Amino acid sequence: MTNVTQCSINISMDSLIHTLLATGCIAAAFYAGRYFTIHSLSEEMVAFVMKKLESGGYIKTAVDSDGEIELIPISEIIREDRIANSN
């Protein structure tokens, strides 16, 4: 015969403890999402990639009246090229 000792913890979760745990988890998820959104580098990454593509000659951009960079459609580039080469 082997002597097996069993240890068990008897915790009863009442509604107050459950509410506090759930609220704490929701608050932690909210503030983690807020932190990672604020510290996101997505705008810097997009600006870097667009500058590299433009300097490599793969895209053409223009700055609009708001100061934002916008892509020029290929149809406008082809039209300007045809006008320049027809003269």
N, C-alpha and C. Protein backbone atom coordinates (compact mmCIF):
# COMPACT_ATOMS: atom_id res chain seq x y z
N MET A 1 0.83 -1.18 0.00
CA MET A 1 0.00 0.00 0.00
C MET A 1 0.88 1.25 0.00
N THR A 2 0.45 2.18 -0.79
CA THR A 2 1.17 3.45 -0.84
C THR A 2 0.36 4.51 -0.13
N ASN A 3 1.06 5.38 0.50
CA ASN A 3 0.41 6.46 1.23
C ASN A 3 0.42 7.71 0.35
N VAL A 4 -0.71 8.09 -0.16
CA VAL A 4 -0.84 9.25 -1.04
C VAL A 4 -1.50 10.36 -0.25
N THR A 5 -0.82 11.49 -0.21
CA THR A 5 -1.37 12.65 0.47
C THR A 5 -1.95 13.60 -0.57
N GLN A 6 -3.17 13.94 -0.41
CA GLN A 6 -3.81 14.85 -1.34
C GLN A 6 -4.02 16.19 -0.65
N CYS A 7 -3.60 17.24 -1.36
CA CYS A 7 -3.82 18.60 -0.87
C CYS A 7 -4.79 19.29 -1.81
N SER A 8 -5.75 19.88 -1.25
CA SER A 8 -6.70 20.61 -2.09
C SER A 8 -6.98 21.95 -1.46
N ILE A 9 -7.22 22.90 -2.32
CA ILE A 9 -7.54 24.25 -1.87
C ILE A 9 -9.01 24.47 -2.18
N ASN A 10 -9.73 24.83 -1.18
CA ASN A 10 -11.15 25.05 -1.35
C ASN A 10 -11.42 26.56 -1.33
N ILE A 11 -11.59 27.12 -2.52
CA ILE A 11 -11.86 28.55 -2.64
C ILE A 11 -13.23 28.70 -3.26
N SER A 12 -14.06 29.43 -2.59
CA SER A 12 -15.37 29.69 -3.19
C SER A 12 -15.35 31.11 -3.74
N MET A 13 -15.74 31.24 -4.98
CA MET A 13 -15.73 32.54 -5.63
C MET A 13 -17.13 33.12 -5.55
N ASP A 14 -17.25 34.17 -4.79
CA ASP A 14 -18.56 34.82 -4.73
C ASP A 14 -18.65 35.86 -5.84
N SER A 15 -19.77 36.51 -5.94
CA SER A 15 -20.01 37.43 -7.06
C SER A 15 -19.10 38.65 -7.01
N LEU A 16 -18.71 39.11 -5.84
CA LEU A 16 -17.84 40.28 -5.72
C LEU A 16 -16.44 39.96 -6.26
N ILE A 17 -15.88 38.83 -5.88
CA ILE A 17 -14.55 38.45 -6.37
C ILE A 17 -14.59 38.24 -7.89
N HIS A 18 -15.62 37.60 -8.37
CA HIS A 18 -15.75 37.38 -9.81
C HIS A 18 -15.84 38.71 -10.56
N THR A 19 -16.61 39.65 -10.04
CA THR A 19 -16.76 40.96 -10.68
C THR A 19 -15.43 41.70 -10.69
N LEU A 20 -14.70 41.67 -9.58
CA LEU A 20 -13.41 42.35 -9.51
C LEU A 20 -12.40 41.73 -10.48
N LEU A 21 -12.36 40.42 -10.56
CA LEU A 21 -11.44 39.76 -11.50
C LEU A 21 -11.80 40.10 -12.95
N ALA A 22 -13.07 40.04 -13.29
CA ALA A 22 -13.49 40.34 -14.66
C ALA A 22 -13.20 41.79 -15.02
N THR A 23 -13.50 42.70 -14.13
CA THR A 23 -13.25 44.12 -14.37
C THR A 23 -11.76 44.39 -14.51
N GLY A 24 -10.97 43.74 -13.67
CA GLY A 24 -9.51 43.90 -13.76
C GLY A 24 -8.95 43.40 -15.08
N CYS A 25 -9.46 42.26 -15.56
CA CYS A 25 -9.01 41.73 -16.85
C CYS A 25 -9.41 42.64 -18.00
N ILE A 26 -10.61 43.16 -17.97
CA ILE A 26 -11.07 44.07 -19.02
C ILE A 26 -10.25 45.36 -19.01
N ALA A 27 -9.99 45.89 -17.83
CA ALA A 27 -9.20 47.11 -17.72
C ALA A 27 -7.77 46.88 -18.22
N ALA A 28 -7.18 45.75 -17.87
CA ALA A 28 -5.83 45.44 -18.33
C ALA A 28 -5.77 45.33 -19.84
N ALA A 29 -6.75 44.69 -20.45
CA ALA A 29 -6.80 44.57 -21.91
C ALA A 29 -6.98 45.93 -22.57
N PHE A 30 -7.82 46.77 -22.00
CA PHE A 30 -8.05 48.11 -22.54
C PHE A 30 -6.77 48.94 -22.53
N TYR A 31 -6.10 48.99 -21.38
CA TYR A 31 -4.90 49.81 -21.27
C TYR A 31 -3.72 49.23 -22.06
N ALA A 32 -3.66 47.92 -22.20
CA ALA A 32 -2.61 47.33 -23.05
C ALA A 32 -2.85 47.71 -24.50
N GLY A 33 -4.08 47.66 -24.97
CA GLY A 33 -4.39 48.07 -26.33
C GLY A 33 -4.11 49.54 -26.55
N ARG A 34 -4.44 50.35 -25.59
CA ARG A 34 -4.18 51.79 -25.69
C ARG A 34 -2.69 52.08 -25.75
N TYR A 35 -1.92 51.37 -24.93
CA TYR A 35 -0.47 51.56 -24.90
C TYR A 35 0.15 51.19 -26.24
N PHE A 36 -0.23 50.03 -26.78
CA PHE A 36 0.37 49.57 -28.02
C PHE A 36 -0.10 50.39 -29.22
N THR A 37 -1.28 50.98 -29.16
CA THR A 37 -1.75 51.84 -30.24
C THR A 37 -0.97 53.15 -30.26
N ILE A 38 -0.73 53.71 -29.11
CA ILE A 38 -0.01 54.98 -29.03
C ILE A 38 1.44 54.79 -29.45
N HIS A 39 2.04 53.69 -29.08
CA HIS A 39 3.44 53.47 -29.37
C HIS A 39 3.66 52.72 -30.68
N SER A 40 2.67 52.77 -31.55
CA SER A 40 2.77 52.07 -32.83
C SER A 40 3.69 52.83 -33.77
N LEU A 41 4.42 52.11 -34.54
CA LEU A 41 5.34 52.73 -35.48
C LEU A 41 4.82 52.64 -36.91
N SER A 42 3.53 52.40 -37.06
CA SER A 42 3.00 52.18 -38.41
C SER A 42 3.16 53.40 -39.31
N GLU A 43 2.91 54.59 -38.82
CA GLU A 43 3.04 55.78 -39.66
C GLU A 43 4.48 55.99 -40.10
N GLU A 44 5.43 55.78 -39.18
CA GLU A 44 6.83 55.94 -39.54
C GLU A 44 7.27 54.89 -40.56
N MET A 45 6.76 53.67 -40.40
CA MET A 45 7.11 52.61 -41.34
C MET A 45 6.56 52.90 -42.73
N VAL A 46 5.32 53.36 -42.81
CA VAL A 46 4.73 53.67 -44.11
C VAL A 46 5.48 54.82 -44.78
N ALA A 47 5.80 55.85 -44.03
CA ALA A 47 6.54 56.98 -44.60
C ALA A 47 7.91 56.54 -45.10
N PHE A 48 8.59 55.68 -44.34
CA PHE A 48 9.91 55.19 -44.75
C PHE A 48 9.82 54.39 -46.04
N VAL A 49 8.84 53.49 -46.13
CA VAL A 49 8.70 52.64 -47.32
C VAL A 49 8.34 53.50 -48.53
N MET A 50 7.45 54.48 -48.35
CA MET A 50 7.08 55.33 -49.48
C MET A 50 8.27 56.15 -49.97
N LYS A 51 9.10 56.66 -49.06
CA LYS A 51 10.29 57.41 -49.47
C LYS A 51 11.27 56.53 -50.23
N LYS A 52 11.45 55.30 -49.75
CA LYS A 52 12.36 54.36 -50.43
C LYS A 52 11.84 54.00 -51.82
N LEU A 53 10.54 53.74 -51.94
CA LEU A 53 9.96 53.40 -53.24
C LEU A 53 10.04 54.57 -54.21
N GLU A 54 9.83 55.78 -53.70
CA GLU A 54 9.90 56.95 -54.58
C GLU A 54 11.34 57.22 -55.01
N SER A 55 12.28 57.09 -54.09
CA SER A 55 13.68 57.32 -54.46
C SER A 55 14.19 56.25 -55.41
N GLY A 56 13.62 55.07 -55.38
CA GLY A 56 13.98 54.00 -56.29
C GLY A 56 13.28 54.10 -57.63
N GLY A 57 12.33 55.01 -57.77
CA GLY A 57 11.62 55.21 -59.02
C GLY A 57 10.46 54.24 -59.23
N TYR A 58 10.00 53.59 -58.19
CA TYR A 58 8.92 52.62 -58.32
C TYR A 58 7.54 53.26 -58.22
N ILE A 59 7.42 54.38 -57.51
CA ILE A 59 6.15 55.09 -57.39
C ILE A 59 6.41 56.58 -57.58
N LYS A 60 5.33 57.32 -57.83
CA LYS A 60 5.42 58.76 -57.93
C LYS A 60 4.41 59.35 -56.95
N THR A 61 4.83 60.32 -56.17
CA THR A 61 3.95 60.91 -55.16
C THR A 61 3.90 62.42 -55.33
N ALA A 62 2.90 63.01 -54.70
CA ALA A 62 2.76 64.46 -54.66
C ALA A 62 2.23 64.83 -53.28
N VAL A 63 2.56 66.04 -52.85
CA VAL A 63 2.08 66.53 -51.55
C VAL A 63 0.84 67.38 -51.81
N ASP A 64 -0.27 67.03 -51.13
CA ASP A 64 -1.51 67.78 -51.35
C ASP A 64 -1.56 69.01 -50.46
N SER A 65 -2.68 69.72 -50.47
CA SER A 65 -2.81 70.97 -49.74
C SER A 65 -2.77 70.78 -48.22
N ASP A 66 -3.09 69.57 -47.75
CA ASP A 66 -3.04 69.29 -46.31
C ASP A 66 -1.65 68.90 -45.84
N GLY A 67 -0.73 68.75 -46.77
CA GLY A 67 0.62 68.34 -46.41
C GLY A 67 0.80 66.83 -46.38
N GLU A 68 -0.21 66.10 -46.80
CA GLU A 68 -0.11 64.64 -46.83
C GLU A 68 0.38 64.18 -48.19
N ILE A 69 1.11 63.08 -48.18
CA ILE A 69 1.65 62.52 -49.41
C ILE A 69 0.61 61.61 -50.03
N GLU A 70 0.34 61.80 -51.33
CA GLU A 70 -0.61 60.94 -52.02
C GLU A 70 0.06 60.35 -53.26
N LEU A 71 -0.36 59.16 -53.59
CA LEU A 71 0.16 58.49 -54.77
C LEU A 71 -0.49 59.04 -56.03
N ILE A 72 0.30 59.16 -57.09
CA ILE A 72 -0.23 59.61 -58.37
C ILE A 72 -0.60 58.38 -59.18
N PRO A 73 -1.83 58.33 -59.72
CA PRO A 73 -2.25 57.17 -60.50
C PRO A 73 -1.39 56.99 -61.76
N ILE A 74 -1.20 55.76 -62.17
CA ILE A 74 -0.38 55.44 -63.32
C ILE A 74 -0.95 56.05 -64.60
N SER A 75 -2.28 56.21 -64.67
CA SER A 75 -2.90 56.80 -65.86
C SER A 75 -2.43 58.24 -66.08
N GLU A 76 -2.26 59.00 -65.00
CA GLU A 76 -1.76 60.38 -65.13
C GLU A 76 -0.31 60.39 -65.57
N ILE A 77 0.48 59.47 -65.08
CA ILE A 77 1.89 59.41 -65.46
C ILE A 77 2.01 59.07 -66.94
N ILE A 78 1.23 58.11 -67.41
CA ILE A 78 1.26 57.73 -68.83
C ILE A 78 0.80 58.88 -69.70
N ARG A 79 -0.27 59.58 -69.29
CA ARG A 79 -0.77 60.71 -70.07
C ARG A 79 0.28 61.81 -70.16
N GLU A 80 0.94 62.14 -69.04
CA GLU A 80 1.98 63.17 -69.06
C GLU A 80 3.15 62.75 -69.95
N ASP A 81 3.48 61.47 -69.93
CA ASP A 81 4.58 60.97 -70.75
C ASP A 81 4.22 61.06 -72.24
N ARG A 82 2.99 60.72 -72.58
CA ARG A 82 2.55 60.81 -73.98
C ARG A 82 2.53 62.24 -74.47
N ILE A 83 2.07 63.17 -73.63
CA ILE A 83 2.04 64.58 -74.00
C ILE A 83 3.46 65.09 -74.20
N ALA A 84 4.37 64.71 -73.30
CA ALA A 84 5.76 65.17 -73.40
C ALA A 84 6.45 64.60 -74.62
N ASN A 85 6.14 63.35 -75.00
CA ASN A 85 6.80 62.72 -76.14
C ASN A 85 6.16 63.06 -77.48
N SER A 86 4.93 63.62 -77.48
CA SER A 86 4.27 63.95 -78.74
C SER A 86 4.78 65.25 -79.33
N ASN A 87 5.38 66.09 -78.54
CA ASN A 87 5.88 67.38 -79.04
C ASN A 87 7.21 67.29 -79.63
